[in-house]
N, C-alpha and C. Protein backbone atom coordinates (compact mmCIF):
# COMPACT_ATOMS: atom_id res chain seq x y z
N MET A 1 0.85 -1.25 0.02
CA MET A 1 0.11 -0.07 -0.02
C MET A 1 0.81 1.26 0.09
N LYS A 2 1.89 1.24 0.61
CA LYS A 2 2.95 2.08 0.95
C LYS A 2 3.25 2.71 -0.62
N LYS A 3 3.62 1.51 -1.11
CA LYS A 3 4.24 1.75 -2.42
C LYS A 3 3.41 2.24 -3.56
N ALA A 4 2.18 1.95 -3.39
CA ALA A 4 1.18 2.66 -4.27
C ALA A 4 1.11 4.00 -3.87
N TRP A 5 0.97 4.39 -2.78
CA TRP A 5 1.09 5.86 -2.59
C TRP A 5 2.27 6.70 -2.84
N LEU A 6 3.36 6.25 -2.41
CA LEU A 6 4.55 6.57 -3.11
C LEU A 6 4.53 6.72 -4.64
N ALA A 7 4.19 5.80 -5.18
CA ALA A 7 4.27 5.84 -6.76
C ALA A 7 3.13 6.96 -7.16
N PHE A 8 1.87 7.13 -6.57
CA PHE A 8 0.95 7.94 -6.59
C PHE A 8 1.30 9.53 -6.40
N ALA A 9 2.19 9.75 -5.39
CA ALA A 9 2.97 10.80 -4.92
C ALA A 9 3.98 11.67 -6.11
N ILE A 10 4.40 10.41 -6.25
CA ILE A 10 5.46 10.75 -7.53
C ILE A 10 5.12 11.59 -8.96
N VAL A 11 3.88 10.58 -9.16
CA VAL A 11 3.07 10.83 -10.53
C VAL A 11 2.50 12.30 -10.36
N LEU A 12 1.92 12.57 -9.02
CA LEU A 12 1.50 14.18 -8.67
C LEU A 12 2.70 15.17 -8.74
N ALA A 13 3.45 14.64 -8.27
CA ALA A 13 4.63 15.56 -8.34
C ALA A 13 5.28 15.96 -9.72
N LEU A 14 5.31 14.87 -10.65
CA LEU A 14 5.65 15.02 -11.80
C LEU A 14 4.57 16.14 -12.72
N ILE A 15 3.52 15.80 -12.39
CA ILE A 15 2.44 16.51 -12.99
C ILE A 15 2.54 17.98 -12.64
N GLY A 16 2.29 18.13 -11.46
CA GLY A 16 2.53 19.40 -10.96
C GLY A 16 3.74 20.03 -11.54
N TYR A 17 4.99 19.52 -11.54
CA TYR A 17 6.22 20.19 -12.07
C TYR A 17 5.82 20.53 -13.43
N SER A 18 5.53 19.45 -14.15
CA SER A 18 5.15 19.94 -15.81
C SER A 18 4.34 21.10 -15.93
N LEU A 19 3.18 21.14 -15.12
CA LEU A 19 2.23 22.27 -15.18
C LEU A 19 2.91 23.46 -15.12
N TYR A 20 3.75 23.53 -13.87
CA TYR A 20 4.28 24.68 -13.32
C TYR A 20 5.47 25.21 -14.42
N SER A 21 6.12 24.32 -15.09
CA SER A 21 7.21 24.43 -16.20
C SER A 21 6.51 25.25 -17.44
N ILE A 22 5.34 24.31 -17.90
CA ILE A 22 4.55 24.83 -18.91
C ILE A 22 3.90 26.31 -18.63
N SER A 23 3.29 26.58 -17.65
CA SER A 23 2.71 27.79 -17.12
C SER A 23 3.89 29.13 -16.98
N GLY A 24 4.90 28.56 -16.50
CA GLY A 24 6.12 29.58 -16.24
C GLY A 24 6.85 30.14 -17.55
N SER A 25 6.83 29.28 -18.57
CA SER A 25 7.46 29.61 -19.60
C SER A 25 6.74 30.35 -20.53
N LYS A 26 6.84 31.64 -21.41
CA LYS A 26 6.36 32.19 -22.27
C LYS A 26 6.63 32.05 -23.51
N LYS A 27 5.54 31.70 -24.57
CA LYS A 27 5.92 31.57 -25.82
C LYS A 27 6.19 32.75 -26.64
N GLU A 28 6.90 33.17 -27.68
CA GLU A 28 7.04 34.05 -28.27
C GLU A 28 5.76 34.55 -28.96
N GLU A 29 5.18 35.75 -28.99
CA GLU A 29 4.16 36.17 -29.83
C GLU A 29 4.65 36.46 -31.27
N LYS A 30 3.82 35.41 -31.97
CA LYS A 30 4.03 35.44 -33.22
C LYS A 30 3.05 36.07 -34.34
N ALA A 31 3.25 36.73 -35.36
CA ALA A 31 2.09 37.50 -35.95
C ALA A 31 1.27 36.13 -36.84
N LYS A 32 -0.10 36.18 -36.91
CA LYS A 32 -0.95 35.18 -37.62
C LYS A 32 -2.24 35.88 -38.17
N VAL A 33 -2.49 35.65 -39.25
CA VAL A 33 -3.99 36.04 -39.72
C VAL A 33 -5.01 35.64 -38.81
N GLY A 34 -5.73 36.42 -38.57
CA GLY A 34 -6.81 36.19 -37.77
C GLY A 34 -6.54 36.44 -36.31
N PHE A 35 -5.42 36.96 -35.57
CA PHE A 35 -5.03 36.82 -34.43
C PHE A 35 -4.71 38.60 -34.31
N HIS A 36 -4.52 38.91 -32.91
CA HIS A 36 -4.01 40.18 -32.60
C HIS A 36 -2.65 40.42 -33.16
N ALA A 37 -2.42 41.53 -33.73
CA ALA A 37 -0.95 41.95 -34.16
C ALA A 37 -0.12 42.05 -32.90
N PRO A 38 1.12 41.45 -32.92
CA PRO A 38 2.04 41.56 -31.89
C PRO A 38 2.37 43.18 -31.79
N ASN A 39 2.43 43.55 -30.53
CA ASN A 39 2.81 44.79 -30.45
C ASN A 39 4.35 45.30 -30.39
N PHE A 40 4.97 46.40 -30.79
CA PHE A 40 6.19 46.74 -30.76
C PHE A 40 6.41 48.29 -30.96
N SER A 41 7.64 48.67 -30.56
CA SER A 41 8.27 49.99 -30.46
C SER A 41 9.41 50.08 -31.13
N LEU A 42 9.22 50.92 -32.32
CA LEU A 42 10.44 51.22 -33.23
C LEU A 42 10.75 52.64 -33.01
N SER A 43 12.06 52.92 -33.26
CA SER A 43 12.56 54.42 -33.56
C SER A 43 12.46 54.64 -35.16
N GLY A 44 12.15 55.98 -35.38
CA GLY A 44 11.77 56.31 -36.70
C GLY A 44 12.68 57.13 -37.36
N LEU A 45 12.78 57.29 -38.48
CA LEU A 45 13.73 58.39 -39.13
C LEU A 45 13.42 59.72 -38.59
N ASP A 46 12.30 60.12 -38.24
CA ASP A 46 12.11 61.57 -37.57
C ASP A 46 12.56 61.48 -36.27
N GLY A 47 13.05 60.57 -35.58
CA GLY A 47 13.47 60.48 -34.17
C GLY A 47 12.31 60.16 -33.15
N LYS A 48 11.29 60.02 -33.50
CA LYS A 48 10.44 59.69 -32.55
C LYS A 48 10.22 58.30 -32.51
N THR A 49 9.79 57.72 -31.46
CA THR A 49 9.39 56.19 -31.22
C THR A 49 8.02 55.96 -31.71
N TYR A 50 7.66 55.16 -32.21
CA TYR A 50 6.39 54.52 -32.66
C TYR A 50 6.00 53.29 -31.99
N HIS A 51 4.80 53.42 -31.28
CA HIS A 51 4.19 51.99 -30.70
C HIS A 51 3.07 51.31 -31.43
N LEU A 52 3.05 50.48 -32.18
CA LEU A 52 1.93 50.01 -32.84
C LEU A 52 0.33 49.94 -32.32
N SER A 53 0.76 49.85 -30.79
CA SER A 53 -0.57 49.72 -29.71
C SER A 53 -1.31 51.01 -29.64
N GLU A 54 -0.47 52.17 -30.12
CA GLU A 54 -1.08 53.75 -30.06
C GLU A 54 -1.53 54.04 -31.33
N ILE A 55 -2.02 53.23 -32.38
CA ILE A 55 -2.32 53.85 -33.59
C ILE A 55 -3.81 53.15 -33.67
N ASN A 56 -4.41 54.27 -33.79
CA ASN A 56 -5.88 53.88 -33.45
C ASN A 56 -6.70 53.83 -34.57
N LYS A 57 -6.44 53.12 -35.78
CA LYS A 57 -6.78 53.21 -36.84
C LYS A 57 -6.09 51.84 -37.96
N PRO A 58 -6.67 51.42 -38.71
CA PRO A 58 -5.97 50.29 -39.68
C PRO A 58 -4.60 50.57 -40.03
N VAL A 59 -3.76 49.54 -39.82
CA VAL A 59 -2.38 49.73 -40.18
C VAL A 59 -1.97 48.98 -41.45
N LEU A 60 -1.33 49.22 -42.28
CA LEU A 60 -0.38 48.46 -43.11
C LEU A 60 1.17 48.59 -42.68
N ILE A 61 1.82 47.29 -42.21
CA ILE A 61 2.82 47.18 -41.93
C ILE A 61 3.74 46.73 -43.08
N ASN A 62 4.67 47.66 -43.56
CA ASN A 62 5.46 47.10 -44.69
C ASN A 62 7.12 47.16 -44.34
N PHE A 63 7.36 45.72 -44.26
CA PHE A 63 8.99 45.24 -44.36
C PHE A 63 9.54 45.26 -45.47
N TRP A 64 10.77 46.20 -45.56
CA TRP A 64 11.41 46.42 -46.54
C TRP A 64 12.78 46.64 -46.34
N ALA A 65 13.52 46.57 -47.69
CA ALA A 65 14.97 46.94 -47.70
C ALA A 65 15.48 47.84 -48.67
N SER A 66 16.45 48.53 -48.31
CA SER A 66 16.97 49.43 -49.55
C SER A 66 17.32 48.79 -50.71
N TRP A 67 17.82 47.87 -50.82
CA TRP A 67 18.77 46.91 -51.73
C TRP A 67 17.44 46.20 -52.59
N CYS A 68 16.45 45.91 -51.98
CA CYS A 68 15.42 45.22 -52.57
C CYS A 68 14.51 45.78 -53.87
N GLY A 69 14.88 45.30 -55.04
CA GLY A 69 14.03 45.64 -56.28
C GLY A 69 12.46 45.42 -56.18
N PRO A 70 11.88 44.70 -55.61
CA PRO A 70 10.50 44.70 -55.67
C PRO A 70 10.11 45.72 -54.78
N CYS A 71 10.87 46.18 -53.76
CA CYS A 71 10.30 47.25 -52.89
C CYS A 71 10.46 48.31 -53.36
N ARG A 72 11.64 48.72 -54.15
CA ARG A 72 11.53 49.86 -54.84
C ARG A 72 10.27 50.19 -56.11
N ALA A 73 10.12 49.07 -56.50
CA ALA A 73 8.78 48.88 -57.32
C ALA A 73 7.57 49.27 -56.64
N GLU A 74 7.17 48.60 -55.39
CA GLU A 74 6.06 48.99 -54.74
C GLU A 74 6.11 50.25 -54.01
N THR A 75 7.09 50.64 -53.62
CA THR A 75 7.12 52.11 -52.83
C THR A 75 6.07 53.05 -53.46
N PRO A 76 6.17 53.59 -54.70
CA PRO A 76 5.34 54.58 -55.14
C PRO A 76 3.76 54.09 -55.16
N VAL A 77 3.77 52.76 -55.13
CA VAL A 77 2.17 52.43 -55.15
C VAL A 77 1.92 52.41 -53.69
N LEU A 78 2.58 52.23 -52.83
CA LEU A 78 2.08 52.81 -51.38
C LEU A 78 2.01 54.13 -51.15
N ILE A 79 2.83 54.69 -51.64
CA ILE A 79 2.55 56.27 -51.57
C ILE A 79 1.49 56.71 -51.98
N ARG A 80 0.97 56.61 -53.15
CA ARG A 80 -0.02 56.91 -54.02
C ARG A 80 -1.38 56.40 -53.14
N LEU A 81 -1.47 55.16 -52.67
CA LEU A 81 -2.72 54.63 -51.68
C LEU A 81 -2.82 55.39 -50.40
N TYR A 82 -1.36 55.67 -49.95
CA TYR A 82 -1.34 56.46 -48.59
C TYR A 82 -1.96 57.82 -48.93
N LYS A 83 -1.50 58.30 -49.91
CA LYS A 83 -2.40 59.81 -50.16
C LYS A 83 -3.64 59.65 -50.71
N LYS A 84 -4.12 58.79 -51.22
CA LYS A 84 -5.56 58.47 -51.75
C LYS A 84 -6.46 58.38 -50.64
N TYR A 85 -6.14 57.49 -49.67
CA TYR A 85 -6.86 57.09 -48.57
C TYR A 85 -6.89 58.02 -47.38
N ASN A 86 -5.78 59.34 -47.55
CA ASN A 86 -5.90 60.48 -46.75
C ASN A 86 -6.26 60.15 -45.10
N GLY A 87 -5.53 59.53 -44.54
CA GLY A 87 -5.59 59.37 -43.09
C GLY A 87 -6.34 58.36 -42.69
N LYS A 88 -7.15 57.48 -43.53
CA LYS A 88 -7.98 56.61 -43.27
C LYS A 88 -7.34 55.07 -42.51
N PHE A 89 -5.85 55.34 -43.09
CA PHE A 89 -5.12 54.19 -42.31
C PHE A 89 -3.65 54.54 -42.38
N GLU A 90 -2.82 53.95 -41.62
CA GLU A 90 -1.42 54.39 -41.48
C GLU A 90 -0.39 53.22 -41.85
N ILE A 91 0.68 53.68 -42.73
CA ILE A 91 1.77 52.69 -43.28
C ILE A 91 2.88 53.16 -42.18
N LEU A 92 3.38 51.95 -41.51
CA LEU A 92 4.64 51.90 -41.05
C LEU A 92 5.55 51.02 -41.91
N ALA A 93 6.56 51.64 -42.50
CA ALA A 93 7.62 51.48 -43.22
C ALA A 93 8.57 50.91 -42.48
N VAL A 94 8.59 49.57 -42.03
CA VAL A 94 9.83 49.06 -41.34
C VAL A 94 10.86 48.58 -42.11
N ASN A 95 11.83 49.19 -41.97
CA ASN A 95 13.36 48.88 -42.63
C ASN A 95 13.82 47.79 -41.93
N VAL A 96 14.23 46.79 -42.57
CA VAL A 96 14.85 45.52 -41.84
C VAL A 96 16.42 45.97 -41.75
N THR A 97 16.41 46.91 -40.77
CA THR A 97 17.99 47.50 -40.72
C THR A 97 19.06 46.19 -40.28
N ALA A 98 18.75 45.25 -39.43
CA ALA A 98 19.40 43.96 -39.50
C ALA A 98 19.99 43.54 -40.67
N ASN A 99 19.48 44.00 -41.95
CA ASN A 99 19.87 43.27 -42.98
C ASN A 99 20.24 44.25 -44.04
N ASP A 100 20.05 45.45 -43.47
CA ASP A 100 20.35 46.68 -44.35
C ASP A 100 21.36 47.59 -43.76
N LYS A 101 21.43 48.75 -44.16
CA LYS A 101 22.35 49.71 -43.76
C LYS A 101 21.42 50.84 -43.45
N GLN A 102 21.51 51.53 -42.31
CA GLN A 102 20.51 52.52 -41.83
C GLN A 102 20.52 53.82 -42.98
N GLU A 103 22.04 54.01 -43.23
CA GLU A 103 22.39 55.11 -44.22
C GLU A 103 21.37 54.94 -45.60
N ASN A 104 21.39 53.80 -45.94
CA ASN A 104 21.09 53.56 -47.20
C ASN A 104 19.51 53.46 -47.34
N ALA A 105 18.85 53.36 -46.02
CA ALA A 105 17.42 53.38 -45.87
C ALA A 105 16.89 54.68 -45.82
N LYS A 106 17.73 55.52 -45.05
CA LYS A 106 17.49 57.14 -45.05
C LYS A 106 17.37 57.91 -46.65
N LYS A 107 18.65 57.21 -47.25
CA LYS A 107 18.56 57.56 -48.95
C LYS A 107 17.42 57.29 -49.45
N PHE A 108 17.05 56.19 -49.23
CA PHE A 108 15.84 55.44 -49.99
C PHE A 108 14.41 56.29 -49.72
N ALA A 109 14.37 56.62 -48.39
CA ALA A 109 13.06 57.26 -47.95
C ALA A 109 13.23 58.42 -48.47
N ALA A 110 14.55 59.27 -48.72
CA ALA A 110 14.37 60.55 -49.41
C ALA A 110 14.28 60.75 -50.58
N PHE A 111 14.84 59.53 -51.52
CA PHE A 111 14.72 59.55 -52.61
C PHE A 111 13.09 59.61 -53.16
N PHE A 112 12.46 58.72 -52.31
CA PHE A 112 11.05 58.51 -52.68
C PHE A 112 10.18 59.52 -51.99
N GLN A 113 10.53 60.27 -51.23
CA GLN A 113 9.98 61.40 -50.24
C GLN A 113 8.72 60.36 -49.42
N ILE A 114 9.22 59.73 -48.98
CA ILE A 114 8.10 58.41 -47.93
C ILE A 114 7.26 59.50 -47.33
N PRO A 115 5.93 59.61 -47.40
CA PRO A 115 5.09 60.61 -46.48
C PRO A 115 4.87 59.77 -45.21
N PHE A 116 5.18 58.89 -44.84
CA PHE A 116 4.62 57.99 -43.68
C PHE A 116 5.68 57.51 -42.78
N PRO A 117 5.55 57.11 -41.59
CA PRO A 117 6.81 56.84 -40.76
C PRO A 117 7.92 55.69 -41.37
N VAL A 118 8.86 56.14 -41.39
CA VAL A 118 10.03 55.06 -41.51
C VAL A 118 10.85 54.63 -40.29
N LEU A 119 10.59 53.27 -40.08
CA LEU A 119 10.95 52.95 -38.99
C LEU A 119 12.01 51.93 -39.17
N PHE A 120 13.21 51.74 -38.03
CA PHE A 120 14.13 50.84 -38.03
C PHE A 120 14.41 49.87 -37.23
N ASP A 121 14.32 48.47 -37.72
CA ASP A 121 14.39 47.33 -37.09
C ASP A 121 15.76 46.71 -36.99
N LYS A 122 16.51 47.39 -35.97
CA LYS A 122 17.96 47.47 -36.07
C LYS A 122 18.72 45.91 -35.69
N ASN A 123 17.88 45.38 -34.85
CA ASN A 123 18.32 43.90 -34.44
C ASN A 123 17.59 42.63 -35.22
N GLY A 124 16.39 43.35 -35.73
CA GLY A 124 15.45 42.26 -36.47
C GLY A 124 14.55 41.35 -35.73
N ASP A 125 14.25 42.01 -34.40
CA ASP A 125 13.30 41.25 -33.54
C ASP A 125 11.83 41.28 -34.10
N ILE A 126 11.40 42.52 -34.74
CA ILE A 126 10.20 42.59 -35.33
C ILE A 126 10.08 41.92 -36.25
N THR A 127 10.86 41.86 -37.16
CA THR A 127 10.76 41.02 -38.48
C THR A 127 10.64 39.59 -38.04
N GLU A 128 11.42 38.94 -37.04
CA GLU A 128 11.33 37.88 -36.59
C GLU A 128 9.91 37.46 -35.97
N LYS A 129 9.48 38.35 -35.26
CA LYS A 129 8.06 38.26 -34.58
C LYS A 129 7.11 38.15 -35.57
N TYR A 130 7.08 39.08 -36.66
CA TYR A 130 6.10 39.02 -37.90
C TYR A 130 6.54 38.12 -38.95
N GLN A 131 7.64 37.04 -38.65
CA GLN A 131 8.03 35.78 -39.32
C GLN A 131 8.21 36.39 -41.03
N VAL A 132 8.98 37.65 -41.16
CA VAL A 132 9.33 37.94 -42.63
C VAL A 132 10.22 37.16 -43.09
N ALA A 133 9.88 36.58 -44.48
CA ALA A 133 11.10 35.62 -44.85
C ALA A 133 11.41 36.24 -46.29
N HIS A 134 10.70 37.27 -46.91
CA HIS A 134 10.76 37.90 -48.35
C HIS A 134 10.77 39.43 -47.92
N PHE A 135 11.39 40.07 -48.92
CA PHE A 135 10.76 41.63 -48.79
C PHE A 135 10.39 41.82 -50.40
N PRO A 136 9.28 42.86 -50.37
CA PRO A 136 8.75 43.15 -49.23
C PRO A 136 7.72 42.10 -48.68
N THR A 137 7.07 42.43 -47.50
CA THR A 137 6.15 41.60 -46.82
C THR A 137 5.40 42.67 -46.20
N ASN A 138 4.12 42.82 -46.51
CA ASN A 138 2.92 43.70 -45.93
C ASN A 138 2.05 42.77 -44.87
N VAL A 139 1.83 43.62 -43.71
CA VAL A 139 0.96 43.04 -42.81
C VAL A 139 -0.07 43.82 -42.48
N PHE A 140 -1.24 43.53 -43.06
CA PHE A 140 -2.51 44.42 -43.12
C PHE A 140 -3.30 44.19 -41.69
N ILE A 141 -3.71 45.20 -40.88
CA ILE A 141 -4.25 45.13 -39.69
C ILE A 141 -5.54 45.96 -39.58
N ASN A 142 -6.63 45.55 -39.13
CA ASN A 142 -7.98 46.11 -38.97
C ASN A 142 -7.91 47.09 -38.11
N GLU A 143 -8.90 48.07 -37.87
CA GLU A 143 -9.04 48.80 -36.53
C GLU A 143 -9.18 48.18 -35.41
N ASP A 144 -9.38 46.77 -35.07
CA ASP A 144 -9.54 46.30 -34.09
C ASP A 144 -8.18 45.49 -33.60
N GLY A 145 -7.15 45.76 -34.31
CA GLY A 145 -6.00 45.35 -34.29
C GLY A 145 -5.42 43.84 -34.87
N GLU A 146 -6.70 43.38 -35.48
CA GLU A 146 -6.42 41.80 -35.79
C GLU A 146 -5.55 42.07 -37.21
N ILE A 147 -4.70 40.95 -37.67
CA ILE A 147 -4.36 40.85 -38.69
C ILE A 147 -5.33 40.41 -39.64
N ILE A 148 -5.72 40.70 -40.86
CA ILE A 148 -6.44 40.35 -41.76
C ILE A 148 -5.99 39.48 -42.90
N HIS A 149 -4.71 40.09 -43.31
CA HIS A 149 -3.47 39.37 -44.33
C HIS A 149 -2.32 39.78 -44.16
N ILE A 150 -1.73 38.93 -44.73
CA ILE A 150 -0.18 38.94 -44.65
C ILE A 150 0.19 38.52 -46.14
N ALA A 151 0.97 39.29 -47.06
CA ALA A 151 1.23 39.29 -48.38
C ALA A 151 2.87 39.24 -48.19
N ASP A 152 3.44 37.98 -48.72
CA ASP A 152 4.93 37.75 -48.85
C ASP A 152 5.43 38.00 -50.02
N GLY A 153 5.73 39.32 -50.46
CA GLY A 153 6.22 39.38 -51.73
C GLY A 153 5.46 40.61 -52.34
N ILE A 154 5.87 41.01 -53.58
CA ILE A 154 4.93 42.31 -54.16
C ILE A 154 3.68 41.63 -54.66
N LEU A 155 2.85 42.79 -54.43
CA LEU A 155 1.52 42.51 -54.71
C LEU A 155 1.18 43.72 -55.94
N PRO A 156 0.08 42.98 -57.04
CA PRO A 156 -0.28 43.77 -58.10
C PRO A 156 -0.80 44.94 -57.45
N PRO A 157 -0.86 46.19 -58.09
CA PRO A 157 -1.53 47.57 -57.16
C PRO A 157 -2.81 47.33 -57.21
N GLU A 158 -3.84 46.55 -58.01
CA GLU A 158 -5.22 46.26 -57.76
C GLU A 158 -5.34 45.31 -56.50
N THR A 159 -4.45 44.59 -56.54
CA THR A 159 -4.77 43.76 -55.12
C THR A 159 -4.62 44.44 -53.91
N LEU A 160 -3.15 45.02 -53.57
CA LEU A 160 -2.89 45.83 -52.72
C LEU A 160 -3.88 47.00 -52.45
N GLU A 161 -4.54 47.37 -53.45
CA GLU A 161 -5.89 48.31 -53.00
C GLU A 161 -7.06 47.84 -52.60
N ASN A 162 -7.40 46.59 -53.12
CA ASN A 162 -8.89 45.87 -52.73
C ASN A 162 -8.47 45.46 -51.18
N ILE A 163 -7.20 45.20 -50.83
CA ILE A 163 -7.09 44.70 -49.23
C ILE A 163 -7.08 45.99 -48.43
N ILE A 164 -6.74 47.18 -48.86
CA ILE A 164 -6.70 48.22 -48.12
C ILE A 164 -7.96 48.56 -48.02
N GLN A 165 -8.95 48.70 -49.25
CA GLN A 165 -10.43 48.92 -49.14
C GLN A 165 -10.82 47.95 -47.93
N LYS A 166 -10.58 46.72 -47.95
CA LYS A 166 -11.13 45.65 -46.93
C LYS A 166 -10.84 46.08 -45.41
N MET A 167 -9.64 46.61 -45.40
CA MET A 167 -8.82 46.98 -44.12
C MET A 167 -9.59 48.17 -43.42
N VAL A 168 -9.90 49.26 -44.63
CA VAL A 168 -10.54 50.43 -44.15
C VAL A 168 -12.20 50.45 -43.90
N GLY A 169 -12.45 49.32 -44.38
CA GLY A 169 -14.14 49.12 -44.47
C GLY A 169 -14.95 49.90 -45.66
N GLU A 170 -14.11 50.08 -46.56
CA GLU A 170 -14.74 50.65 -47.75
C GLU A 170 -15.13 49.67 -48.84
């Protein structure tokens, strides 16, 4: 009988330890369609710090690099749509500075006269959190903070605008 109780106590202790280990370890928050967008704070070209959680409208997060040809092709389209929808959504242009040079990113932003915030992901943490594998990658977030679409690679302008219309509720 004592052996049975001892075995039972050992099993309970192991279960308790397993539950403690699982609850004590935090899983890294990753971006997924249908889920709330992971928050972040990044410094911008203008010297300000931007917090995703403080933007109270739909957001398009554009991950890019200055050396990326498709990013160069997509940037004028993003600028046109940003101006067309005039404040109905925000674009955060996240330069993946871990794979780029900040000076090149600044030249890129100046060349295109980017009117929306240009942010620097210097160590790649946000890029990793959003599971960016290609440039450009666009993450579309509705006004409730939910990711509605992730586009891995360049999109045709019409498709890009259709997703933005869905995001802003038009």
